[in-house]
Amino acid sequence: MKTKKHFYENMQAMAECLAKDPETKDRYDKATHGGKEWFCFSSWIKGNMARWNDAEAVEYRDALVGRLISTDIAYVLQYETVPDVVAYLKGELIAAVGRETFPEQLAKRGDWTANARIRWRHITANPPQEAESWSGRKIQIGTCFYSKMLPIKEALSKDSDTKQHYEFLRYGGKEWLCYSWWISEDRTRWNDPEAVEYRDSLTSWLDSIDIVYVLQLETDTEIVDYLRNRLVATLERETTPGRLHLRSTILGRGLHKPWKGPEGLKTTSQVAAQYGSGCGMICRFYSAMKGYADYLRGNAPGPSFWTHPDVKLHIKWHNRYSSPTNGICRVQ
């Protein structure tokens, strides 16, 4: 008992450091209670990687991760770069998703969009034929597949039963929920060739954390099985050696560490605060710093941001589906 108490005292000391250090404070504060405990353990391990295989450490980490839910693990996995740790968390994430999506578990979930679909069916049944672009001009949508998602976006963002869930999600998760609503109106749509092509294109660029969050809201076993398979593929895409090296580089630069930019010695945080966006090579540098700062603060902009490694997959989806409805055709 004395040994275990001493071990946990190490974790408490790490918690105090993470909560106060300007490099880690933001993403630590945004983590759940379980996520915070993993960050403490991970920081303690990084001080000496030989501890990873220590019997006491193994017992502690297995007990900790065994009670974490998938969203906890997906969040902390974004900030791990050591291959052994990443492989461990990937396996535990898949196991957690498996626990959370047993048929018995799915049967307990209510259909959280049911009432909203009743209230909004007169609108969602009639997709708009035109939309207003970011510049204010009217754009003819016609019969493009994505037009079916537009009234659902409005319903999810405004309806009292769905607004809170919808607003909590990131961009990719919101896009999936629109598609999921559309499928739930008629389950035979799931196997429609056009719908299959759309969902494969959409999930090609979703982050694992997006998929984990929307998995909590799905009840149909066929959809759950599909998302679980896509999660495995996404985790493999996000944890290649090249991606882990890039992640390590960004984490190493940090928010408040000196950075030699075009205007001399600055920090990521200073550049991000001073220059939000722009164009041209110098402005792209500043824009990249904003993206890195968002990531380091726990506000990852996701694949829709140009510095993200999966941005090309997003652009391919965007140009095929979203462009006809917003008047912006992004070219890579």
Protein backbone atom coordinates (compact mmCIF):
# COMPACT_ATOMS: atom_id res chain seq x y z
CA MET A 1 0.00 0.00 0.00
CA LYS A 2 2.85 2.37 0.83
CA THR A 3 4.43 1.76 -2.60
CA LYS A 4 1.16 2.46 -4.43
CA LYS A 5 0.63 5.61 -2.38
CA HIS A 6 4.12 6.79 -3.30
CA PHE A 7 3.43 6.02 -6.98
CA TYR A 8 0.27 8.11 -6.99
CA GLU A 9 2.12 10.96 -5.29
CA ASN A 10 4.29 11.08 -8.42
CA MET A 11 1.13 11.48 -10.50
CA GLN A 12 -0.13 14.30 -8.30
CA ALA A 13 3.18 16.11 -8.69
CA MET A 14 2.92 15.74 -12.48
CA ALA A 15 -0.67 17.06 -12.39
CA GLU A 16 0.49 20.24 -10.67
CA CYS A 17 3.20 20.76 -13.28
CA LEU A 18 0.89 20.14 -16.26
CA ALA A 19 -1.78 22.46 -14.88
CA LYS A 20 0.69 25.33 -14.46
CA ASP A 21 3.12 24.91 -17.36
CA PRO A 22 2.12 27.30 -20.18
CA GLU A 23 3.09 24.66 -22.76
CA THR A 24 0.62 22.07 -21.44
CA LYS A 25 -1.99 23.98 -19.43
CA ASP A 26 -4.56 24.49 -22.21
CA ARG A 27 -4.77 20.94 -23.52
CA TYR A 28 -4.56 19.56 -19.96
CA ASP A 29 -7.49 21.73 -18.83
CA LYS A 30 -9.58 20.59 -21.81
CA ALA A 31 -9.04 16.90 -21.03
CA THR A 32 -11.57 14.87 -19.02
CA HIS A 33 -10.68 13.62 -15.55
CA GLY A 34 -9.45 10.33 -17.00
CA GLY A 35 -7.57 12.14 -19.75
CA LYS A 36 -5.81 14.30 -17.16
CA GLU A 37 -4.70 11.20 -15.27
CA TRP A 38 -3.29 9.68 -18.45
CA PHE A 39 -1.40 12.90 -19.26
CA CYS A 40 0.20 12.70 -15.80
CA PHE A 41 1.25 9.10 -16.35
CA SER A 42 2.50 9.86 -19.86
CA SER A 43 4.59 12.80 -18.64
CA TRP A 44 6.09 10.65 -15.89
CA ILE A 45 6.97 7.98 -18.48
CA LYS A 46 8.61 10.49 -20.82
CA GLY A 47 11.06 11.38 -18.07
CA ASN A 48 12.41 7.84 -18.31
CA MET A 49 10.99 5.47 -20.95
CA ALA A 50 12.43 2.47 -19.07
CA ARG A 51 9.52 3.00 -16.69
CA TRP A 52 7.07 1.91 -19.42
CA ASN A 53 7.79 -1.77 -18.69
CA ASP A 54 8.10 -1.39 -14.93
CA ALA A 55 5.71 -3.84 -13.21
CA GLU A 56 4.16 -1.16 -11.01
CA ALA A 57 3.71 1.20 -13.97
CA VAL A 58 2.13 -1.54 -16.09
CA GLU A 59 -0.34 -2.35 -13.31
CA TYR A 60 -1.24 1.32 -12.90
CA ARG A 61 -1.67 2.09 -16.61
CA ASP A 62 -3.81 -1.01 -17.24
CA ALA A 63 -6.07 -0.13 -14.31
CA LEU A 64 -6.32 3.49 -15.51
CA VAL A 65 -7.01 2.80 -19.19
CA GLY A 66 -9.40 -0.02 -18.32
CA ARG A 67 -11.86 2.53 -16.97
CA LEU A 68 -11.41 5.21 -19.62
CA ILE A 69 -14.04 5.62 -22.30
CA SER A 70 -13.20 5.88 -26.00
CA THR A 71 -13.42 9.68 -26.12
CA ASP A 72 -10.88 9.97 -23.28
CA ILE A 73 -8.41 7.74 -25.10
CA ALA A 74 -8.96 9.40 -28.50
CA TYR A 75 -8.16 12.81 -26.99
CA VAL A 76 -4.89 11.84 -25.29
CA LEU A 77 -3.81 9.75 -28.29
CA GLN A 78 -3.53 12.98 -30.31
CA TYR A 79 -0.56 14.01 -28.18
CA GLU A 80 1.42 10.77 -28.04
CA THR A 81 4.46 10.21 -30.26
CA VAL A 82 6.31 7.20 -28.78
CA PRO A 83 5.49 4.14 -30.94
CA ASP A 84 5.07 1.75 -27.97
CA VAL A 85 2.68 4.13 -26.22
CA VAL A 86 0.76 4.84 -29.42
CA ALA A 87 0.37 1.13 -30.21
CA TYR A 88 -0.86 0.47 -26.67
CA LEU A 89 -3.47 3.25 -26.80
CA LYS A 90 -4.65 2.22 -30.27
CA GLY A 91 -5.38 -1.28 -28.99
CA GLU A 92 -7.12 0.08 -25.90
CA LEU A 93 -9.19 2.50 -27.98
CA ILE A 94 -10.48 -0.31 -30.21
CA ALA A 95 -11.24 -2.36 -27.08
CA ALA A 96 -13.12 0.56 -25.49
CA VAL A 97 -15.20 1.10 -28.62
CA GLY A 98 -15.98 -2.63 -28.62
CA ARG A 99 -17.21 -2.43 -25.01
CA GLU A 100 -19.35 0.59 -25.77
CA THR A 101 -21.04 -0.87 -28.86
CA PHE A 102 -22.24 -4.29 -27.67
CA PRO A 103 -25.79 -4.94 -28.97
CA GLU A 104 -27.04 -4.62 -25.38
CA GLN A 105 -25.36 -1.24 -25.08
CA LEU A 106 -26.80 -0.04 -28.39
CA ALA A 107 -30.27 -1.14 -27.34
CA LYS A 108 -30.06 1.21 -24.33
CA ARG A 109 -29.35 4.25 -26.49
CA GLY A 110 -32.30 6.39 -27.37
CA ASP A 111 -32.87 7.87 -30.80
CA TRP A 112 -31.84 11.43 -29.97
CA THR A 113 -32.97 12.86 -33.33
CA ALA A 114 -36.44 11.23 -33.39
CA ASN A 115 -38.41 14.23 -32.13
CA ALA A 116 -36.34 16.64 -34.20
CA ARG A 117 -37.04 14.63 -37.37
CA ILE A 118 -40.77 14.89 -36.69
CA ARG A 119 -40.60 18.65 -36.18
CA TRP A 120 -38.38 19.31 -39.22
CA ARG A 121 -39.57 16.72 -41.74
CA HIS A 122 -41.48 19.29 -43.82
CA ILE A 123 -38.17 21.13 -44.36
CA THR A 124 -35.73 18.25 -44.70
CA ALA A 125 -38.01 16.52 -47.21
CA ASN A 126 -37.59 19.49 -49.55
CA PRO A 127 -33.90 20.33 -50.06
CA PRO A 128 -33.25 23.90 -51.26
CA GLN A 129 -32.62 24.58 -54.94
CA GLU A 130 -30.34 27.50 -54.25
CA ALA A 131 -28.08 28.76 -51.48
CA GLU A 132 -26.32 31.96 -50.48
CA SER A 133 -22.51 31.94 -50.78
CA TRP A 134 -20.09 33.51 -48.33
CA SER A 135 -20.06 36.60 -50.56
CA GLY A 136 -23.85 36.92 -50.48
CA ARG A 137 -24.63 35.87 -54.04
CA LYS A 138 -27.24 33.22 -54.84
CA ILE A 139 -25.96 29.89 -56.13
CA GLN A 140 -28.06 27.34 -57.94
CA ILE A 141 -27.67 23.99 -56.19
CA GLY A 142 -29.85 21.88 -58.44
CA THR A 143 -30.02 18.24 -57.42
CA CYS A 144 -26.51 17.72 -56.01
CA PHE A 145 -26.27 15.09 -53.27
CA TYR A 146 -25.00 17.53 -50.67
CA SER A 147 -28.14 19.69 -50.96
CA LYS A 148 -29.91 17.00 -48.94
CA MET A 149 -27.62 17.77 -46.00
CA LEU A 150 -28.28 21.52 -45.88
CA PRO A 151 -31.72 21.55 -44.22
CA ILE A 152 -30.50 18.87 -41.81
CA LYS A 153 -27.62 21.15 -40.75
CA GLU A 154 -30.18 23.81 -39.89
CA ALA A 155 -32.33 21.36 -37.93
CA LEU A 156 -29.42 19.92 -35.92
CA SER A 157 -28.05 23.36 -35.05
CA LYS A 158 -31.41 24.84 -34.01
CA ASP A 159 -33.59 22.06 -32.62
CA SER A 160 -33.72 21.90 -28.81
CA ASP A 161 -33.16 18.12 -28.78
CA THR A 162 -30.05 18.13 -30.96
CA LYS A 163 -28.42 21.55 -30.66
CA GLN A 164 -26.19 20.71 -27.66
CA HIS A 165 -24.83 17.47 -29.15
CA TYR A 166 -24.32 19.04 -32.56
CA GLU A 167 -22.53 22.17 -31.35
CA PHE A 168 -20.15 20.09 -29.24
CA LEU A 169 -18.79 18.23 -32.28
CA ARG A 170 -16.02 19.35 -34.60
CA TYR A 171 -16.57 20.06 -38.30
CA GLY A 172 -16.20 16.46 -39.51
CA GLY A 173 -18.48 15.06 -36.84
CA LYS A 174 -21.20 17.55 -37.76
CA GLU A 175 -21.01 16.48 -41.39
CA TRP A 176 -21.42 12.83 -40.40
CA LEU A 177 -24.44 13.54 -38.20
CA CYS A 178 -26.21 15.22 -41.13
CA TYR A 179 -25.60 12.11 -43.21
CA SER A 180 -26.71 9.86 -40.34
CA TRP A 181 -29.98 11.82 -39.99
CA TRP A 182 -30.61 11.45 -43.71
CA ILE A 183 -30.03 7.68 -43.50
CA SER A 184 -32.32 7.34 -40.47
CA GLU A 185 -35.22 8.77 -42.48
CA ASP A 186 -35.05 5.73 -44.75
CA ARG A 187 -32.69 2.87 -43.81
CA THR A 188 -32.68 1.53 -47.39
CA ARG A 189 -30.59 4.58 -48.33
CA TRP A 190 -27.60 3.02 -46.55
CA ASN A 191 -26.91 0.74 -49.53
CA ASP A 192 -27.68 3.30 -52.22
CA PRO A 193 -24.56 3.60 -54.47
CA GLU A 194 -24.53 7.39 -54.29
CA ALA A 195 -24.82 7.32 -50.49
CA VAL A 196 -22.06 4.70 -50.21
CA GLU A 197 -19.75 6.83 -52.34
CA TYR A 198 -20.50 9.90 -50.24
CA ARG A 199 -19.93 8.24 -46.86
CA ASP A 200 -16.64 6.67 -47.98
CA SER A 201 -15.42 10.03 -49.23
CA LEU A 202 -16.49 11.74 -46.00
CA THR A 203 -14.91 9.20 -43.63
CA SER A 204 -11.69 9.19 -45.67
CA TRP A 205 -10.68 12.47 -43.95
CA LEU A 206 -12.43 12.31 -40.58
CA ASP A 207 -10.13 12.28 -37.55
CA SER A 208 -10.34 9.34 -35.16
CA ILE A 209 -11.68 11.65 -32.47
CA ASP A 210 -14.54 12.66 -34.82
CA ILE A 211 -15.47 9.03 -35.44
CA VAL A 212 -15.30 8.13 -31.74
CA TYR A 213 -17.65 10.97 -30.81
CA VAL A 214 -20.28 10.18 -33.45
CA LEU A 215 -20.09 6.47 -32.56
CA GLN A 216 -21.57 7.37 -29.18
CA LEU A 217 -24.73 8.58 -30.90
CA GLU A 218 -25.33 5.72 -33.35
CA THR A 219 -27.73 2.85 -32.61
CA ASP A 220 -27.93 0.96 -35.90
CA THR A 221 -25.58 -2.07 -35.83
CA GLU A 222 -24.71 -1.81 -39.53
CA ILE A 223 -23.65 1.82 -39.18
CA VAL A 224 -21.75 1.08 -35.97
CA ASP A 225 -19.83 -1.76 -37.62
CA TYR A 226 -18.97 0.49 -40.56
CA LEU A 227 -17.68 3.28 -38.30
CA ARG A 228 -15.65 0.85 -36.20
CA ASN A 229 -13.91 -0.42 -39.33
CA ARG A 230 -13.28 3.14 -40.50
CA LEU A 231 -11.86 3.98 -37.07
CA VAL A 232 -9.26 1.23 -37.41
CA ALA A 233 -8.26 2.55 -40.85
CA THR A 234 -8.12 6.12 -39.53
CA LEU A 235 -5.90 5.16 -36.61
CA GLU A 236 -3.48 3.50 -39.02
CA ARG A 237 -3.43 6.64 -41.18
CA GLU A 238 -2.82 8.92 -38.20
CA THR A 239 -0.03 6.89 -36.61
CA THR A 240 2.40 6.22 -39.45
CA PRO A 241 6.06 6.98 -38.58
CA GLY A 242 5.93 10.14 -40.71
CA ARG A 243 2.81 11.42 -38.95
CA LEU A 244 4.24 10.71 -35.51
CA HIS A 245 7.45 12.55 -36.45
CA LEU A 246 5.42 15.57 -37.60
CA ARG A 247 3.40 15.46 -34.39
CA SER A 248 6.58 15.27 -32.34
CA THR A 249 8.01 18.27 -34.18
CA ILE A 250 4.93 20.41 -33.49
CA LEU A 251 4.82 19.40 -29.83
CA GLY A 252 8.54 20.08 -29.54
CA ARG A 253 8.13 23.62 -30.83
CA GLY A 254 5.46 24.35 -28.26
CA LEU A 255 3.44 27.50 -27.68
CA HIS A 256 5.94 29.59 -25.80
CA LYS A 257 9.29 28.40 -27.12
CA PRO A 258 11.37 30.68 -29.38
CA TRP A 259 10.80 30.17 -33.11
CA LYS A 260 12.93 31.73 -35.85
CA GLY A 261 10.31 33.05 -38.22
CA PRO A 262 10.47 35.48 -41.15
CA GLU A 263 10.53 38.39 -38.71
CA GLY A 264 13.09 36.94 -36.32
CA LEU A 265 12.75 35.25 -32.96
CA LYS A 266 9.09 34.78 -31.96
CA THR A 267 7.01 32.12 -30.23
CA THR A 268 4.21 30.09 -31.80
CA SER A 269 1.73 31.76 -29.47
CA GLN A 270 2.91 35.28 -30.37
CA VAL A 271 2.79 34.65 -34.11
CA ALA A 272 -0.67 33.06 -33.87
CA ALA A 273 -1.99 36.02 -31.86
CA GLN A 274 -0.50 38.61 -34.20
CA TYR A 275 -1.28 37.01 -37.55
CA GLY A 276 -4.44 34.96 -37.88
CA SER A 277 -4.41 34.19 -41.59
CA GLY A 278 -3.29 35.48 -44.95
CA CYS A 279 -1.86 34.56 -48.31
CA GLY A 280 1.57 34.28 -49.90
CA MET A 281 4.56 32.41 -48.49
CA ILE A 282 5.08 34.64 -45.44
CA CYS A 283 1.38 34.73 -44.62
CA ARG A 284 1.17 30.96 -45.01
CA PHE A 285 3.88 30.69 -42.38
CA TYR A 286 1.82 32.79 -40.00
CA SER A 287 -1.30 30.80 -40.84
CA ALA A 288 0.58 27.58 -40.09
CA MET A 289 1.54 28.96 -36.69
CA LYS A 290 -2.12 29.61 -35.96
CA GLY A 291 -2.91 26.00 -36.85
CA TYR A 292 -0.10 24.68 -34.67
CA ALA A 293 -1.18 26.90 -31.77
CA ASP A 294 -4.76 25.66 -32.05
CA TYR A 295 -3.52 22.08 -31.94
CA LEU A 296 -1.27 22.70 -28.94
CA ARG A 297 -4.17 24.30 -27.08
CA GLY A 298 -6.42 21.32 -27.66
CA ASN A 299 -8.42 23.05 -30.41
CA ALA A 300 -7.24 21.09 -33.44
CA PRO A 301 -8.80 22.66 -36.57
CA GLY A 302 -8.92 19.27 -38.28
CA PRO A 303 -8.41 18.23 -41.92
CA SER A 304 -10.22 21.27 -43.30
CA PHE A 305 -7.21 23.39 -42.26
CA TRP A 306 -4.47 23.54 -44.91
CA THR A 307 -1.60 22.48 -42.63
CA HIS A 308 -3.34 19.24 -41.62
CA PRO A 309 -1.79 16.09 -43.16
CA ASP A 310 -5.22 14.92 -44.41
CA VAL A 311 -6.22 18.21 -46.03
CA LYS A 312 -5.96 16.73 -49.56
CA LEU A 313 -8.54 14.09 -48.66
CA HIS A 314 -10.80 16.83 -47.33
CA ILE A 315 -10.38 18.94 -50.46
CA LYS A 316 -11.29 15.97 -52.65
CA TRP A 317 -14.54 15.56 -50.68
CA HIS A 318 -15.15 19.31 -50.58
CA ASN A 319 -14.76 19.84 -54.31
CA ARG A 320 -17.01 16.91 -55.13
CA TYR A 321 -19.84 17.66 -52.69
CA SER A 322 -19.67 20.94 -50.76
CA SER A 323 -18.44 23.30 -53.50
CA PRO A 324 -21.70 23.39 -55.48
CA THR A 325 -23.50 24.68 -52.37
CA ASN A 326 -21.13 27.37 -51.12
CA GLY A 327 -19.53 28.79 -54.23
CA ILE A 328 -15.96 28.06 -53.17
CA CYS A 329 -13.95 25.62 -55.26
CA ARG A 330 -10.68 24.98 -53.46
CA VAL A 331 -7.94 23.83 -55.79
CA GLN A 332 -4.94 21.81 -54.61
